[in-house]
């Protein structure tokens, strides 16, 4: 019997929110009768879920569209091609005009629920179906998202952003800030546990700005408290908070709730107060460092990670030195660092010249990344001999007979063990350290407790 099931492939670019958007679209498509394909060559529908945060995002999209056109040659029927995500929202109908191959569907960040209907409309009419509308409704059908990770489930709690940091395109591509009801969030947490997920990862552009629209008593710390009480949840993480919304209640929640991971991704973007003001970050270097001190006083084992931009307009050598010295002072467990690039529609693009030469941006980021690599190596070497509770999330990428998991501080640990341990919390004694990960072995007999 011939298999006539339609097949889809989603290619995802960008952040965790894009990953979760792809999970949502996958669930909608499977509800509509599609099955996943392994390769674009086998798919009846290819969805490119785009990101516009970094440089040359549009060029990468059109390059991939060209590759799909080449791969479709010789096929009896070409696949339906859909462009979704932030570049779709940002570029809109210009994608259809510029693309050298057919684009059948263009759907923005707020219209993902319309994807199956848009695909059907395009196939029926032969024309490009476009939905770039702004929707106030942030609800999503419960249980539809097809979580790609068997252990961790992403749960979006806020859509959009109102902050308009000067470098950031997100408010223009994802719209203004919209909070999901706490009842919907907790229902999704319970569904994640029901389907076998042990860790829940809350997502929002400024996740700790959350205030439940259906319960005035529930702020972000309150949401963590309520989610911690859901039976079956082993760990709670979240990304990304803003320093100015780290309240005393949130610090207490991270400190006191055992299921909340002792890891805080705390984007700073620059170590210079002058540049932070130009970025519209609404905090100073001194305020940020004071927050770091208060966090570490309250939670001594807290792992801190951050985002950093070098070469922002007007960044003088002294400003970069402030960034360098801040990293030396804080000693982050991890860092995502980027060279500044102009993003369309942002305040920096409109008002500030991109005046730091590209070779100087490269020199600065190489110097900063070398510093961070050394810090991570030292922090990881200090972990050798200690025992950590590791949530196993997958077979190791390094060796077939090893497992990979993460500590509460979000450090990757590889260690020998059977595949049946995926999804379990395992005590692991660290034996070796590298800049980006640790290696260890199961600690059968614990002495001195776990970190």
Protein backbone atom coordinates (compact mmCIF):
# COMPACT_ATOMS: atom_id res chain seq x y z
CA UNK A 1 0.00 0.00 0.00
CA UNK A 2 1.39 3.41 -0.99
CA UNK A 3 2.12 5.86 1.82
CA UNK A 4 0.23 9.04 0.91
CA UNK A 5 0.88 10.86 4.19
CA UNK A 6 2.09 14.41 3.62
CA UNK A 7 5.49 15.11 5.19
CA UNK A 8 6.90 18.31 6.64
CA UNK A 9 10.32 19.60 7.67
CA UNK A 10 10.91 22.65 9.86
CA UNK A 11 14.34 24.27 9.81
CA UNK A 12 14.85 26.50 12.84
CA UNK A 13 17.21 29.45 13.18
CA UNK A 14 17.81 31.51 16.31
CA UNK A 15 16.79 31.54 19.92
CA UNK A 16 14.95 29.23 22.30
CA UNK A 17 11.68 31.00 21.54
CA UNK A 18 12.12 30.11 17.87
CA UNK A 19 12.82 26.51 18.84
CA UNK A 20 9.58 26.42 20.81
CA UNK A 21 7.68 28.14 17.98
CA UNK A 22 8.87 25.31 15.72
CA UNK A 23 7.61 22.78 18.27
CA UNK A 24 4.23 24.48 18.18
CA UNK A 25 4.11 24.51 14.37
CA UNK A 26 5.15 20.85 14.26
CA UNK A 27 2.25 19.94 16.53
CA UNK A 28 -0.23 21.93 14.43
CA UNK A 29 0.98 20.25 11.24
CA UNK A 30 0.79 16.77 12.74
CA UNK A 31 -2.74 17.54 13.92
CA UNK A 32 -3.51 18.40 10.29
CA UNK A 33 -2.30 15.02 9.02
CA UNK A 34 1.39 15.65 8.32
CA UNK A 35 4.25 13.41 9.42
CA UNK A 36 7.83 14.58 10.00
CA UNK A 37 10.43 14.15 7.25
CA UNK A 38 14.15 13.65 7.81
CA UNK A 39 15.31 15.69 4.81
CA UNK A 40 13.99 18.58 2.74
CA UNK A 41 14.19 16.32 -0.31
CA UNK A 42 11.54 14.05 1.25
CA UNK A 43 9.19 16.79 2.44
CA UNK A 44 5.96 18.02 0.87
CA UNK A 45 6.20 21.14 3.04
CA UNK A 46 9.37 22.93 4.15
CA UNK A 47 9.06 25.62 6.81
CA UNK A 48 11.97 28.01 7.39
CA UNK A 49 11.53 29.48 10.88
CA UNK A 50 13.75 32.54 10.76
CA UNK A 51 15.55 34.80 13.24
CA UNK A 52 16.51 38.43 12.63
CA UNK A 53 18.49 39.14 15.79
CA UNK A 54 21.93 38.63 14.23
CA UNK A 55 23.63 40.00 11.14
CA UNK A 56 22.86 38.76 7.62
CA UNK A 57 19.71 36.91 8.70
CA UNK A 58 17.93 37.91 5.50
CA UNK A 59 20.86 36.79 3.32
CA UNK A 60 20.89 33.41 5.05
CA UNK A 61 17.19 33.02 4.33
CA UNK A 62 17.49 33.78 0.62
CA UNK A 63 20.55 31.55 0.34
CA UNK A 64 18.57 28.67 1.84
CA UNK A 65 15.63 29.37 -0.48
CA UNK A 66 18.01 29.08 -3.42
CA UNK A 67 19.30 25.75 -2.12
CA UNK A 68 15.75 24.44 -1.83
CA UNK A 69 15.09 25.45 -5.44
CA UNK A 70 18.13 23.48 -6.60
CA UNK A 71 17.22 20.42 -4.55
CA UNK A 72 13.64 20.45 -5.93
CA UNK A 73 14.85 20.10 -9.54
CA UNK A 74 14.02 16.69 -10.92
CA UNK A 75 11.19 16.10 -8.44
CA UNK A 76 7.77 15.44 -9.87
CA UNK A 77 6.28 18.12 -7.62
CA UNK A 78 8.18 20.76 -5.71
CA UNK A 79 7.55 21.14 -1.97
CA UNK A 80 5.39 23.92 -0.58
CA UNK A 81 7.76 26.47 0.99
CA UNK A 82 6.75 28.55 4.03
CA UNK A 83 8.79 31.32 5.67
CA UNK A 84 7.93 31.96 9.31
CA UNK A 85 9.40 33.83 12.26
CA UNK A 86 11.06 37.18 12.75
CA UNK A 87 12.41 37.75 9.22
CA UNK A 88 8.96 36.94 7.86
CA UNK A 89 7.42 39.50 10.21
CA UNK A 90 10.11 42.07 9.43
CA UNK A 91 10.38 41.72 5.66
CA UNK A 92 6.82 40.66 4.84
CA UNK A 93 5.87 40.68 1.18
CA UNK A 94 9.41 41.79 0.20
CA UNK A 95 10.44 38.17 0.71
CA UNK A 96 8.24 37.11 -2.18
CA UNK A 97 9.60 39.88 -4.40
CA UNK A 98 13.26 39.17 -3.69
CA UNK A 99 13.21 35.35 -3.59
CA UNK A 100 14.48 33.60 -6.74
CA UNK A 101 12.23 30.63 -5.99
CA UNK A 102 8.59 30.40 -5.06
CA UNK A 103 7.57 31.19 -1.49
CA UNK A 104 4.06 29.88 -0.93
CA UNK A 105 3.40 30.98 2.66
CA UNK A 106 4.70 33.91 4.72
CA UNK A 107 3.57 33.89 8.34
CA UNK A 108 4.72 36.27 11.06
CA UNK A 109 5.53 35.62 14.68
CA UNK A 110 2.00 36.24 15.92
CA UNK A 111 0.16 34.17 13.32
CA UNK A 112 1.73 30.75 13.76
CA UNK A 113 -1.64 29.17 14.59
CA UNK A 114 -2.73 30.03 11.06
CA UNK A 115 0.02 27.96 9.39
CA UNK A 116 -2.03 24.87 8.35
CA UNK A 117 -4.82 27.06 6.97
CA UNK A 118 -2.33 29.25 5.07
CA UNK A 119 -0.67 26.18 3.51
CA UNK A 120 -4.05 24.88 2.41
CA UNK A 121 -5.06 28.29 1.02
CA UNK A 122 -1.86 28.55 -1.02
CA UNK A 123 -2.31 25.07 -2.45
CA UNK A 124 -5.93 25.78 -3.33
CA UNK A 125 -5.37 29.16 -4.98
CA UNK A 126 -1.81 28.84 -6.28
CA UNK A 127 -0.96 32.20 -4.72
CA UNK A 128 1.26 33.19 -1.82
CA UNK A 129 -0.70 33.20 1.45
CA UNK A 130 0.47 35.89 3.88
CA UNK A 131 -0.44 36.58 7.50
CA UNK A 132 1.54 39.31 9.26
CA UNK A 133 -1.29 40.40 11.52
CA UNK A 134 -0.84 41.39 15.15
CA UNK A 135 -2.94 39.16 17.41
CA UNK A 136 -3.68 40.00 21.04
CA UNK A 137 -4.63 36.41 21.90
CA UNK A 138 -1.56 34.60 23.27
CA UNK A 139 -3.33 31.33 24.06
CA UNK A 140 -2.24 28.13 22.35
CA UNK A 141 -4.04 24.77 22.17
CA UNK A 142 -2.97 22.63 25.13
CA UNK A 143 -0.97 19.53 24.27
CA UNK A 144 -0.40 20.43 20.63
CA UNK A 145 3.30 21.43 20.77
CA UNK A 146 5.57 18.57 19.69
CA UNK A 147 8.46 18.88 22.14
CA UNK A 148 11.73 17.98 20.44
CA UNK A 149 13.52 17.26 23.73
CA UNK A 150 12.37 14.17 25.67
CA UNK A 151 13.46 15.63 29.02
CA UNK A 152 13.00 19.42 28.81
CA UNK A 153 9.81 21.24 27.82
CA UNK A 154 9.76 24.91 26.81
CA UNK A 155 6.76 26.90 28.04
CA UNK A 156 6.26 30.47 26.81
CA UNK A 157 4.88 32.82 29.47
CA UNK A 158 5.29 36.24 27.74
CA UNK A 159 5.06 37.22 24.09
CA UNK A 160 6.70 40.40 22.80
CA UNK A 161 8.62 43.19 24.53
CA UNK A 162 8.10 46.85 25.47
CA UNK A 163 11.68 47.80 26.34
CA UNK A 164 13.08 48.87 22.95
CA UNK A 165 16.76 48.44 23.79
CA UNK A 166 18.56 50.38 21.07
CA UNK A 167 20.22 47.34 19.46
CA UNK A 168 17.23 44.98 19.60
CA UNK A 169 14.80 44.15 16.80
CA UNK A 170 12.49 41.98 18.95
CA UNK A 171 9.81 44.62 19.76
CA UNK A 172 9.44 45.21 16.01
CA UNK A 173 9.18 41.52 15.10
CA UNK A 174 7.30 40.03 18.07
CA UNK A 175 5.14 42.99 19.04
CA UNK A 176 4.31 44.54 22.38
CA UNK A 177 4.44 42.62 25.65
CA UNK A 178 1.55 40.21 26.24
CA UNK A 179 1.29 37.96 29.32
CA UNK A 180 -0.26 34.50 29.27
CA UNK A 181 -2.76 33.64 32.03
CA UNK A 182 -1.19 31.70 34.89
CA UNK A 183 -3.91 29.04 34.60
CA UNK A 184 -2.83 28.34 30.99
CA UNK A 185 0.85 28.21 31.95
CA UNK A 186 0.28 25.77 34.81
CA UNK A 187 -1.93 23.60 32.59
CA UNK A 188 0.94 23.42 30.10
CA UNK A 189 3.39 22.53 32.89
CA UNK A 190 1.11 19.67 33.97
CA UNK A 191 0.83 18.51 30.36
CA UNK A 192 4.63 18.55 30.01
CA UNK A 193 4.95 16.34 33.08
CA UNK A 194 2.21 14.02 31.82
CA UNK A 195 4.19 13.47 28.62
CA UNK A 196 7.36 12.55 30.53
CA UNK A 197 9.28 15.83 30.75
CA UNK A 198 11.23 16.39 33.96
CA UNK A 199 12.44 19.95 33.39
CA UNK A 200 10.34 22.98 32.46
CA UNK A 201 11.98 26.00 30.90
CA UNK A 202 9.94 29.24 31.02
CA UNK A 203 10.46 31.61 28.09
CA UNK A 204 9.85 35.33 27.64
CA UNK A 205 11.66 38.30 26.12
CA UNK A 206 11.88 39.68 29.68
CA UNK A 207 10.72 36.61 31.51
CA UNK A 208 10.94 38.04 35.03
CA UNK A 209 8.63 40.93 34.14
CA UNK A 210 5.76 38.42 34.25
CA UNK A 211 2.56 39.45 36.00
CA UNK A 212 -0.41 37.12 35.64
CA UNK A 213 -3.30 38.89 33.85
CA UNK A 214 -5.79 36.57 35.57
CA UNK A 215 -4.36 36.83 39.11
CA UNK A 216 -2.93 40.11 40.42
CA UNK A 217 -1.17 38.29 43.27
CA UNK A 218 0.98 36.20 40.91
CA UNK A 219 4.23 37.80 39.79
CA UNK A 220 7.16 35.84 38.33
CA UNK A 221 8.36 34.61 41.72
CA UNK A 222 4.80 33.50 42.43
CA UNK A 223 4.69 31.61 39.13
CA UNK A 224 7.88 29.76 40.10
CA UNK A 225 6.33 28.87 43.45
CA UNK A 226 3.17 27.51 41.83
CA UNK A 227 5.03 25.60 39.12
CA UNK A 228 7.30 24.05 41.77
CA UNK A 229 4.23 22.53 43.37
CA UNK A 230 3.20 20.63 40.22
CA UNK A 231 3.85 16.92 40.94
CA UNK A 232 6.53 15.47 38.68
CA UNK A 233 8.45 18.68 37.98
CA UNK A 234 12.09 18.10 38.90
CA UNK A 235 13.66 21.31 37.61
CA UNK A 236 12.58 24.80 36.60
CA UNK A 237 14.69 27.13 34.44
CA UNK A 238 13.90 30.40 32.71
CA UNK A 239 15.29 32.81 30.12
CA UNK A 240 15.94 35.62 29.79
CA UNK A 241 15.52 37.94 32.76
CA UNK A 242 16.40 41.62 32.84
CA UNK A 243 18.63 42.86 35.68
CA UNK A 244 16.21 45.64 36.67
CA UNK A 245 13.41 43.12 37.30
CA UNK A 246 15.40 40.85 39.64
CA UNK A 247 13.34 41.53 42.76
CA UNK A 248 14.04 40.41 46.33
CA UNK A 249 11.14 37.96 45.93
CA UNK A 250 12.78 36.43 42.86
CA UNK A 251 16.12 36.09 44.68
CA UNK A 252 14.32 34.33 47.53
CA UNK A 253 12.53 32.02 45.09
CA UNK A 254 15.79 30.97 43.42
CA UNK A 255 17.40 30.48 46.83
CA UNK A 256 14.56 28.69 48.62
CA UNK A 257 12.74 26.62 45.99
CA UNK A 258 14.66 23.34 45.53
CA UNK A 259 13.30 22.77 42.03
CA UNK A 260 14.38 26.18 40.71
CA UNK A 261 17.83 25.77 39.18
CA UNK A 262 20.70 27.65 40.76
CA UNK A 263 21.55 29.30 37.48
CA UNK A 264 20.69 32.81 36.34
CA UNK A 265 21.26 34.06 32.80
CA UNK A 266 21.65 37.78 33.46
CA UNK A 267 22.33 39.75 30.25
CA UNK A 268 24.47 42.82 30.77
CA UNK A 269 25.48 43.63 27.12
CA UNK A 270 28.28 46.05 28.14
CA UNK A 271 30.43 46.87 31.16
CA UNK A 272 30.41 50.60 30.42
CA UNK A 273 27.76 52.79 32.02
CA UNK A 274 28.06 55.22 29.10
CA UNK A 275 27.39 52.49 26.53
CA UNK A 276 24.62 50.97 28.65
CA UNK A 277 22.87 54.35 28.53
CA UNK A 278 23.27 54.50 24.74
CA UNK A 279 21.83 50.97 24.56
CA UNK A 280 18.82 52.03 26.68
CA UNK A 281 19.44 49.20 29.14
CA UNK A 282 18.17 51.31 32.10
CA UNK A 283 20.83 50.22 34.57
CA UNK A 284 24.43 51.22 35.25
CA UNK A 285 27.58 49.17 35.64
CA UNK A 286 27.52 49.85 39.37
CA UNK A 287 23.89 48.76 39.75
CA UNK A 288 24.60 45.55 37.88
CA UNK A 289 27.65 44.71 39.99
CA UNK A 290 25.71 45.48 43.17
CA UNK A 291 23.02 43.04 42.01
CA UNK A 292 25.66 40.37 41.35
CA UNK A 293 27.03 40.85 44.88
CA UNK A 294 23.56 40.58 46.42
CA UNK A 295 22.79 37.45 44.41
CA UNK A 296 26.01 35.74 45.45
CA UNK A 297 25.57 36.73 49.09
CA UNK A 298 22.10 35.15 49.05
CA UNK A 299 22.93 32.14 46.82
CA UNK A 300 26.64 31.29 47.07
CA UNK A 301 26.43 28.39 44.59
CA UNK A 302 24.61 30.43 41.92
CA UNK A 303 26.02 30.09 38.39
CA UNK A 304 25.80 33.31 36.37
CA UNK A 305 25.85 33.57 32.57
CA UNK A 306 25.36 36.59 30.34
CA UNK A 307 25.12 38.18 26.89
CA UNK A 308 27.68 40.72 25.69
CA UNK A 309 27.93 42.99 22.64
CA UNK A 310 31.24 44.52 21.55
CA UNK A 311 31.64 47.36 19.09
CA UNK A 312 28.34 49.09 19.81
CA UNK A 313 28.24 52.58 18.22
CA UNK A 314 30.44 54.97 20.14
CA UNK A 315 32.26 52.23 22.09
CA UNK A 316 35.71 53.70 22.75
CA UNK A 317 38.70 51.63 23.93
CA UNK A 318 37.98 52.73 27.51
CA UNK A 319 34.41 51.43 27.24
CA UNK A 320 35.67 48.05 26.06
CA UNK A 321 38.12 47.99 28.98
CA UNK A 322 35.12 48.49 31.28
CA UNK A 323 33.51 45.44 29.69
CA UNK A 324 36.72 43.44 30.06
CA UNK A 325 37.12 44.39 33.73
CA UNK A 326 33.47 43.63 34.49
CA UNK A 327 33.92 40.10 33.14
CA UNK A 328 37.08 39.71 35.23
CA UNK A 329 35.13 40.85 38.28
CA UNK A 330 31.96 38.77 37.81
CA UNK A 331 33.65 35.57 36.51
CA UNK A 332 30.71 34.20 34.53
CA UNK A 333 30.13 30.47 34.10
CA UNK A 334 29.22 31.16 30.47
CA UNK A 335 28.80 33.96 27.97
CA UNK A 336 27.19 34.56 24.59
CA UNK A 337 29.22 37.34 22.96
CA UNK A 338 28.61 39.08 19.64
CA UNK A 339 29.97 41.83 17.46
CA UNK A 340 27.44 44.62 17.04
CA UNK A 341 25.60 44.60 13.73
CA UNK A 342 22.95 47.01 12.51
CA UNK A 343 19.44 45.57 12.75
CA UNK A 344 16.60 47.09 10.72
CA UNK A 345 14.18 49.51 12.42
CA UNK A 346 16.08 49.63 15.72
CA UNK A 347 16.83 52.89 17.50
CA UNK A 348 20.58 52.40 17.02
CA UNK A 349 20.10 51.90 13.27
CA UNK A 350 18.10 55.13 13.05
CA UNK A 351 20.20 57.35 15.30
CA UNK A 352 23.74 56.01 15.77
CA UNK A 353 26.48 55.51 13.17
CA UNK A 354 28.11 52.06 13.14
CA UNK A 355 31.48 53.70 13.79
CA UNK A 356 33.65 50.96 15.30
CA UNK A 357 35.73 49.44 12.46
CA UNK A 358 35.10 45.75 11.79
CA UNK A 359 38.74 44.71 12.46
CA UNK A 360 38.55 46.45 15.85
CA UNK A 361 35.28 44.66 16.67
CA UNK A 362 37.00 41.38 15.82
CA UNK A 363 40.03 42.19 17.98
CA UNK A 364 37.83 43.05 20.94
CA UNK A 365 35.64 39.98 20.74
CA UNK A 366 38.63 37.65 20.36
CA UNK A 367 40.21 39.22 23.46
CA UNK A 368 36.96 38.99 25.42
CA UNK A 369 36.29 35.39 24.43
CA UNK A 370 39.84 34.37 25.37
CA UNK A 371 39.31 35.89 28.83
CA UNK A 372 35.97 34.10 29.24
CA UNK A 373 37.43 30.78 28.10
CA UNK A 374 40.12 31.02 30.77
CA UNK A 375 37.56 31.87 33.46
CA UNK A 376 35.37 28.90 32.50
CA UNK A 377 38.37 26.57 32.52
CA UNK A 378 39.32 27.72 36.02
CA UNK A 379 35.76 27.42 37.34
CA UNK A 380 35.43 23.94 35.89
CA UNK A 381 38.80 22.81 37.27
CA UNK A 382 37.58 23.89 40.72
CA UNK A 383 34.67 21.45 40.28
CA UNK A 384 36.93 18.39 39.89
CA UNK A 385 36.37 15.98 42.76
CA UNK A 386 32.95 17.39 43.66
CA UNK A 387 29.65 15.56 43.26
CA UNK A 388 26.82 17.16 41.30
CA UNK A 389 23.26 16.08 40.68
CA UNK A 390 22.97 15.76 36.90
CA UNK A 391 19.72 15.54 34.96
CA UNK A 392 20.53 13.23 32.05
CA UNK A 393 19.09 14.64 28.83
CA UNK A 394 20.67 12.64 25.98
CA UNK A 395 23.40 10.25 24.89
CA UNK A 396 26.73 12.07 24.79
CA UNK A 397 27.84 13.71 21.55
CA UNK A 398 31.41 12.70 22.33
CA UNK A 399 31.14 8.91 22.79
CA UNK A 400 28.37 6.41 22.05
CA UNK A 401 28.65 4.75 25.48
CA UNK A 402 28.41 8.00 27.43
CA UNK A 403 25.52 10.14 28.57
CA UNK A 404 25.15 13.91 28.66
CA UNK A 405 23.35 15.94 31.28
CA UNK A 406 23.37 19.25 33.09
CA UNK A 407 23.96 20.38 36.63
CA UNK A 408 21.58 22.75 38.38
CA UNK A 409 24.05 25.47 37.29
CA UNK A 410 23.53 24.45 33.63
CA UNK A 411 27.02 23.01 33.12
CA UNK A 412 27.21 20.12 30.66
CA UNK A 413 28.56 16.87 32.15
CA UNK A 414 29.47 13.73 30.17
CA UNK A 415 29.78 10.41 31.99
CA UNK A 416 29.44 6.66 31.29
CA UNK A 417 26.01 5.11 31.78
CA UNK A 418 23.16 3.24 30.11
CA UNK A 419 20.65 4.90 27.80
CA UNK A 420 17.90 4.00 30.29
CA UNK A 421 19.20 6.79 32.54
CA UNK A 422 17.98 9.54 30.16
CA UNK A 423 15.50 11.61 32.16
CA UNK A 424 16.94 10.60 35.54
CA UNK A 425 18.75 12.63 38.17
CA UNK A 426 22.12 10.98 38.71
CA UNK A 427 24.86 11.94 41.22
CA UNK A 428 28.10 12.39 39.27
CA UNK A 429 31.60 12.93 40.61
CA UNK A 430 33.61 15.24 38.32
CA UNK A 431 36.94 13.81 37.15
CA UNK A 432 37.99 16.10 34.26
CA UNK A 433 37.37 19.70 33.21
CA UNK A 434 37.29 21.54 29.89
CA UNK A 435 36.21 25.12 29.13
CA UNK A 436 32.74 24.14 27.93
CA UNK A 437 31.97 20.92 29.80
CA UNK A 438 32.91 18.47 32.53
CA UNK A 439 33.47 14.73 32.58
CA UNK A 440 32.76 12.44 35.49
CA UNK A 441 31.43 9.12 36.68
CA UNK A 442 28.42 8.04 38.70
CA UNK A 443 28.97 8.60 42.41
CA UNK A 444 27.52 5.41 43.88
CA UNK A 445 28.46 6.29 47.45
CA UNK A 446 27.99 9.96 48.25
CA UNK A 447 30.15 11.71 50.79
CA UNK A 448 29.61 15.33 51.70
CA UNK A 449 26.42 15.85 49.72
CA UNK A 450 25.81 17.18 46.24
CA UNK A 451 26.20 20.58 44.61
